[in-house]
Amino acid sequence: TAIAIRTAVIKDGVLHVQAGAGIVADSVPESEWQETMNKGRALFRAAALAERGLDEPRAVERP
């Protein structure tokens, strides 16, 4: 048995992302929320990379 905690589906040209966390007895709700948000962002970033391709130079982020 497996539980999907990261999913991404493109339907009608729209990317739908879902992410979850594994809650255990000593989970900290705020930390679980942040982990879930990070997982979702990673899916969006992966989709953006796939869309533009890996051949394009990556923009350098500056503080």
PDB file of N, CA and C in Angstrom:
ATOM      1  N   THR A   1       0.839  -1.180   0.000  1.00  0.00           N
ATOM      2  CA  THR A   1       0.000   0.000   0.000  1.00  0.00           C
ATOM      3  C   THR A   1       0.882   1.241   0.000  1.00  0.00           C
ATOM      4  N   ALA A   2       0.468   2.224  -0.750  1.00  0.00           N
ATOM      5  CA  ALA A   2       1.205   3.486  -0.812  1.00  0.00           C
ATOM      6  C   ALA A   2       0.233   4.652  -0.709  1.00  0.00           C
ATOM      7  N   ILE A   3       0.711   5.723  -0.150  1.00  0.00           N
ATOM      8  CA  ILE A   3      -0.083   6.945  -0.039  1.00  0.00           C
ATOM      9  C   ILE A   3       0.650   8.029  -0.815  1.00  0.00           C
ATOM     10  N   ALA A   4      -0.024   8.618  -1.777  1.00  0.00           N
ATOM     11  CA  ALA A   4       0.580   9.693  -2.573  1.00  0.00           C
ATOM     12  C   ALA A   4       0.537  10.986  -1.763  1.00  0.00           C
ATOM     13  N   ILE A   5       1.707  11.532  -1.452  1.00  0.00           N
ATOM     14  CA  ILE A   5       1.732  12.796  -0.718  1.00  0.00           C
ATOM     15  C   ILE A   5       2.176  13.956  -1.601  1.00  0.00           C
ATOM     16  N   ARG A   6       2.458  13.656  -2.868  1.00  0.00           N
ATOM     17  CA  ARG A   6       2.752  14.689  -3.868  1.00  0.00           C
ATOM     18  C   ARG A   6       2.122  14.242  -5.175  1.00  0.00           C
ATOM     19  N   THR A   7       1.235  15.050  -5.711  1.00  0.00           N
ATOM     20  CA  THR A   7       0.657  14.728  -7.012  1.00  0.00           C
ATOM     21  C   THR A   7       0.570  15.999  -7.844  1.00  0.00           C
ATOM     22  N   ALA A   8       0.667  15.816  -9.153  1.00  0.00           N
ATOM     23  CA  ALA A   8       0.502  16.925 -10.088  1.00  0.00           C
ATOM     24  C   ALA A   8      -0.228  16.386 -11.306  1.00  0.00           C
ATOM     25  N   VAL A   9      -1.247  17.108 -11.724  1.00  0.00           N
ATOM     26  CA  VAL A   9      -2.041  16.722 -12.882  1.00  0.00           C
ATOM     27  C   VAL A   9      -2.239  17.967 -13.735  1.00  0.00           C
ATOM     28  N   ILE A  10      -2.057  17.819 -15.038  1.00  0.00           N
ATOM     29  CA  ILE A  10      -2.372  18.913 -15.958  1.00  0.00           C
ATOM     30  C   ILE A  10      -3.674  18.553 -16.645  1.00  0.00           C
ATOM     31  N   LYS A  11      -4.673  19.417 -16.476  1.00  0.00           N
ATOM     32  CA  LYS A  11      -5.976  19.206 -17.099  1.00  0.00           C
ATOM     33  C   LYS A  11      -6.409  20.514 -17.736  1.00  0.00           C
ATOM     34  N   ASP A  12      -6.767  20.440 -18.999  1.00  0.00           N
ATOM     35  CA  ASP A  12      -7.192  21.629 -19.748  1.00  0.00           C
ATOM     36  C   ASP A  12      -6.146  22.743 -19.664  1.00  0.00           C
ATOM     37  N   GLY A  13      -4.868  22.356 -19.686  1.00  0.00           N
ATOM     38  CA  GLY A  13      -3.794  23.335 -19.677  1.00  0.00           C
ATOM     39  C   GLY A  13      -3.502  23.958 -18.325  1.00  0.00           C
ATOM     40  N   VAL A  14      -4.123  23.448 -17.263  1.00  0.00           N
ATOM     41  CA  VAL A  14      -3.917  23.993 -15.919  1.00  0.00           C
ATOM     42  C   VAL A  14      -3.240  22.936 -15.052  1.00  0.00           C
ATOM     43  N   LEU A  15      -2.175  23.335 -14.358  1.00  0.00           N
ATOM     44  CA  LEU A  15      -1.468  22.436 -13.454  1.00  0.00           C
ATOM     45  C   LEU A  15      -2.156  22.444 -12.096  1.00  0.00           C
ATOM     46  N   HIS A  16      -2.568  21.274 -11.650  1.00  0.00           N
ATOM     47  CA  HIS A  16      -3.181  21.107 -10.333  1.00  0.00           C
ATOM     48  C   HIS A  16      -2.192  20.329  -9.467  1.00  0.00           C
ATOM     49  N   VAL A  17      -1.816  20.894  -8.326  1.00  0.00           N
ATOM     50  CA  VAL A  17      -0.829  20.280  -7.435  1.00  0.00           C
ATOM     51  C   VAL A  17      -1.478  20.014  -6.087  1.00  0.00           C
ATOM     52  N   GLN A  18      -1.187  18.842  -5.540  1.00  0.00           N
ATOM     53  CA  GLN A  18      -1.611  18.514  -4.183  1.00  0.00           C
ATOM     54  C   GLN A  18      -0.408  17.961  -3.443  1.00  0.00           C
ATOM     55  N   ALA A  19      -0.276  18.327  -2.187  1.00  0.00           N
ATOM     56  CA  ALA A  19       0.814  17.815  -1.358  1.00  0.00           C
ATOM     57  C   ALA A  19       0.274  17.587   0.044  1.00  0.00           C
ATOM     58  N   GLY A  20       0.836  16.614   0.708  1.00  0.00           N
ATOM     59  CA  GLY A  20       0.400  16.298   2.061  1.00  0.00           C
ATOM     60  C   GLY A  20       1.589  15.930   2.924  1.00  0.00           C
ATOM     61  N   ALA A  21       1.290  15.571   4.148  1.00  0.00           N
ATOM     62  CA  ALA A  21       2.339  15.218   5.100  1.00  0.00           C
ATOM     63  C   ALA A  21       1.926  13.973   5.862  1.00  0.00           C
ATOM     64  N   GLY A  22       2.910  13.299   6.394  1.00  0.00           N
ATOM     65  CA  GLY A  22       2.651  12.150   7.252  1.00  0.00           C
ATOM     66  C   GLY A  22       2.622  12.617   8.699  1.00  0.00           C
ATOM     67  N   ILE A  23       1.451  12.600   9.295  1.00  0.00           N
ATOM     68  CA  ILE A  23       1.296  13.080  10.664  1.00  0.00           C
ATOM     69  C   ILE A  23       1.544  11.921  11.629  1.00  0.00           C
ATOM     70  N   VAL A  24       2.404  12.154  12.610  1.00  0.00           N
ATOM     71  CA  VAL A  24       2.684  11.164  13.649  1.00  0.00           C
ATOM     72  C   VAL A  24       2.488  11.823  15.013  1.00  0.00           C
ATOM     73  N   ALA A  25       2.637  11.044  16.062  1.00  0.00           N
ATOM     74  CA  ALA A  25       2.343  11.526  17.416  1.00  0.00           C
ATOM     75  C   ALA A  25       3.115  12.790  17.787  1.00  0.00           C
ATOM     76  N   ASP A  26       4.374  12.895  17.387  1.00  0.00           N
ATOM     77  CA  ASP A  26       5.167  14.063  17.784  1.00  0.00           C
ATOM     78  C   ASP A  26       5.288  15.122  16.690  1.00  0.00           C
ATOM     79  N   SER A  27       4.381  15.099  15.724  1.00  0.00           N
ATOM     80  CA  SER A  27       4.401  16.108  14.659  1.00  0.00           C
ATOM     81  C   SER A  27       4.107  17.491  15.228  1.00  0.00           C
ATOM     82  N   VAL A  28       4.769  18.477  14.657  1.00  0.00           N
ATOM     83  CA  VAL A  28       4.513  19.878  15.001  1.00  0.00           C
ATOM     84  C   VAL A  28       3.707  20.459  13.844  1.00  0.00           C
ATOM     85  N   PRO A  29       2.460  20.885  14.103  1.00  0.00           N
ATOM     86  CA  PRO A  29       1.593  21.336  13.006  1.00  0.00           C
ATOM     87  C   PRO A  29       2.231  22.374  12.087  1.00  0.00           C
ATOM     88  N   GLU A  30       2.903  23.367  12.644  1.00  0.00           N
ATOM     89  CA  GLU A  30       3.510  24.408  11.811  1.00  0.00           C
ATOM     90  C   GLU A  30       4.602  23.829  10.910  1.00  0.00           C
ATOM     91  N   SER A  31       5.376  22.899  11.440  1.00  0.00           N
ATOM     92  CA  SER A  31       6.436  22.271  10.643  1.00  0.00           C
ATOM     93  C   SER A  31       5.855  21.410   9.533  1.00  0.00           C
ATOM     94  N   GLU A  32       4.785  20.696   9.837  1.00  0.00           N
ATOM     95  CA  GLU A  32       4.130  19.865   8.827  1.00  0.00           C
ATOM     96  C   GLU A  32       3.550  20.742   7.717  1.00  0.00           C
ATOM     97  N   TRP A  33       2.960  21.873   8.096  1.00  0.00           N
ATOM     98  CA  TRP A  33       2.408  22.803   7.108  1.00  0.00           C
ATOM     99  C   TRP A  33       3.521  23.314   6.192  1.00  0.00           C
ATOM    100  N   GLN A  34       4.647  23.725   6.774  1.00  0.00           N
ATOM    101  CA  GLN A  34       5.761  24.240   5.971  1.00  0.00           C
ATOM    102  C   GLN A  34       6.301  23.161   5.046  1.00  0.00           C
ATOM    103  N   GLU A  35       6.417  21.932   5.549  1.00  0.00           N
ATOM    104  CA  GLU A  35       6.892  20.827   4.718  1.00  0.00           C
ATOM    105  C   GLU A  35       5.947  20.589   3.539  1.00  0.00           C
ATOM    106  N   THR A  36       4.654  20.668   3.800  1.00  0.00           N
ATOM    107  CA  THR A  36       3.663  20.477   2.746  1.00  0.00           C
ATOM    108  C   THR A  36       3.783  21.572   1.686  1.00  0.00           C
ATOM    109  N   MET A  37       3.954  22.813   2.123  1.00  0.00           N
ATOM    110  CA  MET A  37       4.110  23.919   1.179  1.00  0.00           C
ATOM    111  C   MET A  37       5.384  23.756   0.352  1.00  0.00           C
ATOM    112  N   ASN A  38       6.464  23.321   0.974  1.00  0.00           N
ATOM    113  CA  ASN A  38       7.721  23.096   0.249  1.00  0.00           C
ATOM    114  C   ASN A  38       7.560  22.009  -0.807  1.00  0.00           C
ATOM    115  N   LYS A  39       6.840  20.950  -0.474  1.00  0.00           N
ATOM    116  CA  LYS A  39       6.602  19.871  -1.438  1.00  0.00           C
ATOM    117  C   LYS A  39       5.816  20.389  -2.638  1.00  0.00           C
ATOM    118  N   GLY A  40       4.798  21.203  -2.375  1.00  0.00           N
ATOM    119  CA  GLY A  40       4.007  21.763  -3.466  1.00  0.00           C
ATOM    120  C   GLY A  40       4.827  22.680  -4.354  1.00  0.00           C
ATOM    121  N   ARG A  41       5.639  23.535  -3.732  1.00  0.00           N
ATOM    122  CA  ARG A  41       6.496  24.442  -4.508  1.00  0.00           C
ATOM    123  C   ARG A  41       7.466  23.664  -5.390  1.00  0.00           C
ATOM    124  N   ALA A  42       7.982  22.564  -4.863  1.00  0.00           N
ATOM    125  CA  ALA A  42       8.920  21.752  -5.645  1.00  0.00           C
ATOM    126  C   ALA A  42       8.251  21.216  -6.901  1.00  0.00           C
ATOM    127  N   LEU A  43       6.990  20.832  -6.807  1.00  0.00           N
ATOM    128  CA  LEU A  43       6.272  20.348  -7.989  1.00  0.00           C
ATOM    129  C   LEU A  43       6.090  21.464  -9.014  1.00  0.00           C
ATOM    130  N   PHE A  44       5.753  22.662  -8.551  1.00  0.00           N
ATOM    131  CA  PHE A  44       5.607  23.792  -9.475  1.00  0.00           C
ATOM    132  C   PHE A  44       6.938  24.115 -10.157  1.00  0.00           C
ATOM    133  N   ARG A  45       8.020  24.086  -9.392  1.00  0.00           N
ATOM    134  CA  ARG A  45       9.337  24.369  -9.970  1.00  0.00           C
ATOM    135  C   ARG A  45       9.735  23.302 -10.979  1.00  0.00           C
ATOM    136  N   ALA A  46       9.446  22.052 -10.663  1.00  0.00           N
ATOM    137  CA  ALA A  46       9.765  20.965 -11.595  1.00  0.00           C
ATOM    138  C   ALA A  46       8.984  21.126 -12.891  1.00  0.00           C
ATOM    139  N   ALA A  47       7.721  21.509 -12.787  1.00  0.00           N
ATOM    140  CA  ALA A  47       6.906  21.714 -13.984  1.00  0.00           C
ATOM    141  C   ALA A  47       7.448  22.879 -14.808  1.00  0.00           C
ATOM    142  N   ALA A  48       7.876  23.942 -14.137  1.00  0.00           N
ATOM    143  CA  ALA A  48       8.438  25.096 -14.852  1.00  0.00           C
ATOM    144  C   ALA A  48       9.719  24.703 -15.584  1.00  0.00           C
ATOM    145  N   LEU A  49      10.567  23.917 -14.933  1.00  0.00           N
ATOM    146  CA  LEU A  49      11.790  23.442 -15.592  1.00  0.00           C
ATOM    147  C   LEU A  49      11.460  22.580 -16.801  1.00  0.00           C
ATOM    148  N   ALA A  50      10.506  21.704 -16.649  1.00  0.00           N
ATOM    149  CA  ALA A  50      10.126  20.820 -17.753  1.00  0.00           C
ATOM    150  C   ALA A  50       9.552  21.618 -18.914  1.00  0.00           C
ATOM    151  N   GLU A  51       8.791  22.662 -18.598  1.00  0.00           N
ATOM    152  CA  GLU A  51       8.159  23.465 -19.648  1.00  0.00           C
ATOM    153  C   GLU A  51       9.190  24.250 -20.453  1.00  0.00           C
ATOM    154  N   ARG A  52      10.155  24.841 -19.766  1.00  0.00           N
ATOM    155  CA  ARG A  52      11.124  25.668 -20.495  1.00  0.00           C
ATOM    156  C   ARG A  52      12.295  24.858 -21.017  1.00  0.00           C
ATOM    157  N   GLY A  53      12.495  23.678 -20.473  1.00  0.00           N
ATOM    158  CA  GLY A  53      13.603  22.841 -20.915  1.00  0.00           C
ATOM    159  C   GLY A  53      14.857  23.122 -20.123  1.00  0.00           C
ATOM    160  N   LEU A  54      15.756  22.185 -20.150  1.00  0.00           N
ATOM    161  CA  LEU A  54      16.986  22.320 -19.378  1.00  0.00           C
ATOM    162  C   LEU A  54      18.096  23.002 -20.158  1.00  0.00           C
ATOM    163  N   ASP A  55      17.868  23.295 -21.446  1.00  0.00           N
ATOM    164  CA  ASP A  55      18.902  23.907 -22.268  1.00  0.00           C
ATOM    165  C   ASP A  55      19.012  25.412 -22.064  1.00  0.00           C
ATOM    166  N   GLU A  56      17.948  26.042 -21.564  1.00  0.00           N
ATOM    167  CA  GLU A  56      17.988  27.483 -21.368  1.00  0.00           C
ATOM    168  C   GLU A  56      18.816  27.812 -20.134  1.00  0.00           C
ATOM    169  N   PRO A  57      19.583  28.897 -20.200  1.00  0.00           N
ATOM    170  CA  PRO A  57      20.349  29.282 -19.009  1.00  0.00           C
ATOM    171  C   PRO A  57      19.411  29.664 -17.871  1.00  0.00           C
ATOM    172  N   ARG A  58      19.796  29.300 -16.683  1.00  0.00           N
ATOM    173  CA  ARG A  58      18.989  29.591 -15.506  1.00  0.00           C
ATOM    174  C   ARG A  58      19.296  30.998 -15.024  1.00  0.00           C
ATOM    175  N   ALA A  59      18.263  31.736 -14.705  1.00  0.00           N
ATOM    176  CA  ALA A  59      18.446  33.085 -14.178  1.00  0.00           C
ATOM    177  C   ALA A  59      19.082  32.992 -12.796  1.00  0.00           C
ATOM    178  N   VAL A  60      19.999  33.884 -12.525  1.00  0.00           N
ATOM    179  CA  VAL A  60      20.646  33.915 -11.220  1.00  0.00           C
ATOM    180  C   VAL A  60      19.849  34.842 -10.329  1.00  0.00           C
ATOM    181  N   GLU A  61      19.407  34.316  -9.188  1.00  0.00           N
ATOM    182  CA  GLU A  61      18.667  35.141  -8.237  1.00  0.00           C
ATOM    183  C   GLU A  61      19.662  35.885  -7.363  1.00  0.00           C
ATOM    184  N   ARG A  62      19.430  37.150  -7.214  1.00  0.00           N
ATOM    185  CA  ARG A  62      20.306  37.966  -6.376  1.00  0.00           C
ATOM    186  C   ARG A  62      19.492  38.527  -5.222  1.00  0.00           C
ATOM    187  N   PRO A  63      20.110  38.584  -4.044  1.00  0.00           N
ATOM    188  CA  PRO A  63      19.390  39.119  -2.865  1.00  0.00           C
ATOM    189  C   PRO A  63      19.073  40.586  -2.997  1.00  0.00           C
TER     190      PRO A  63
END
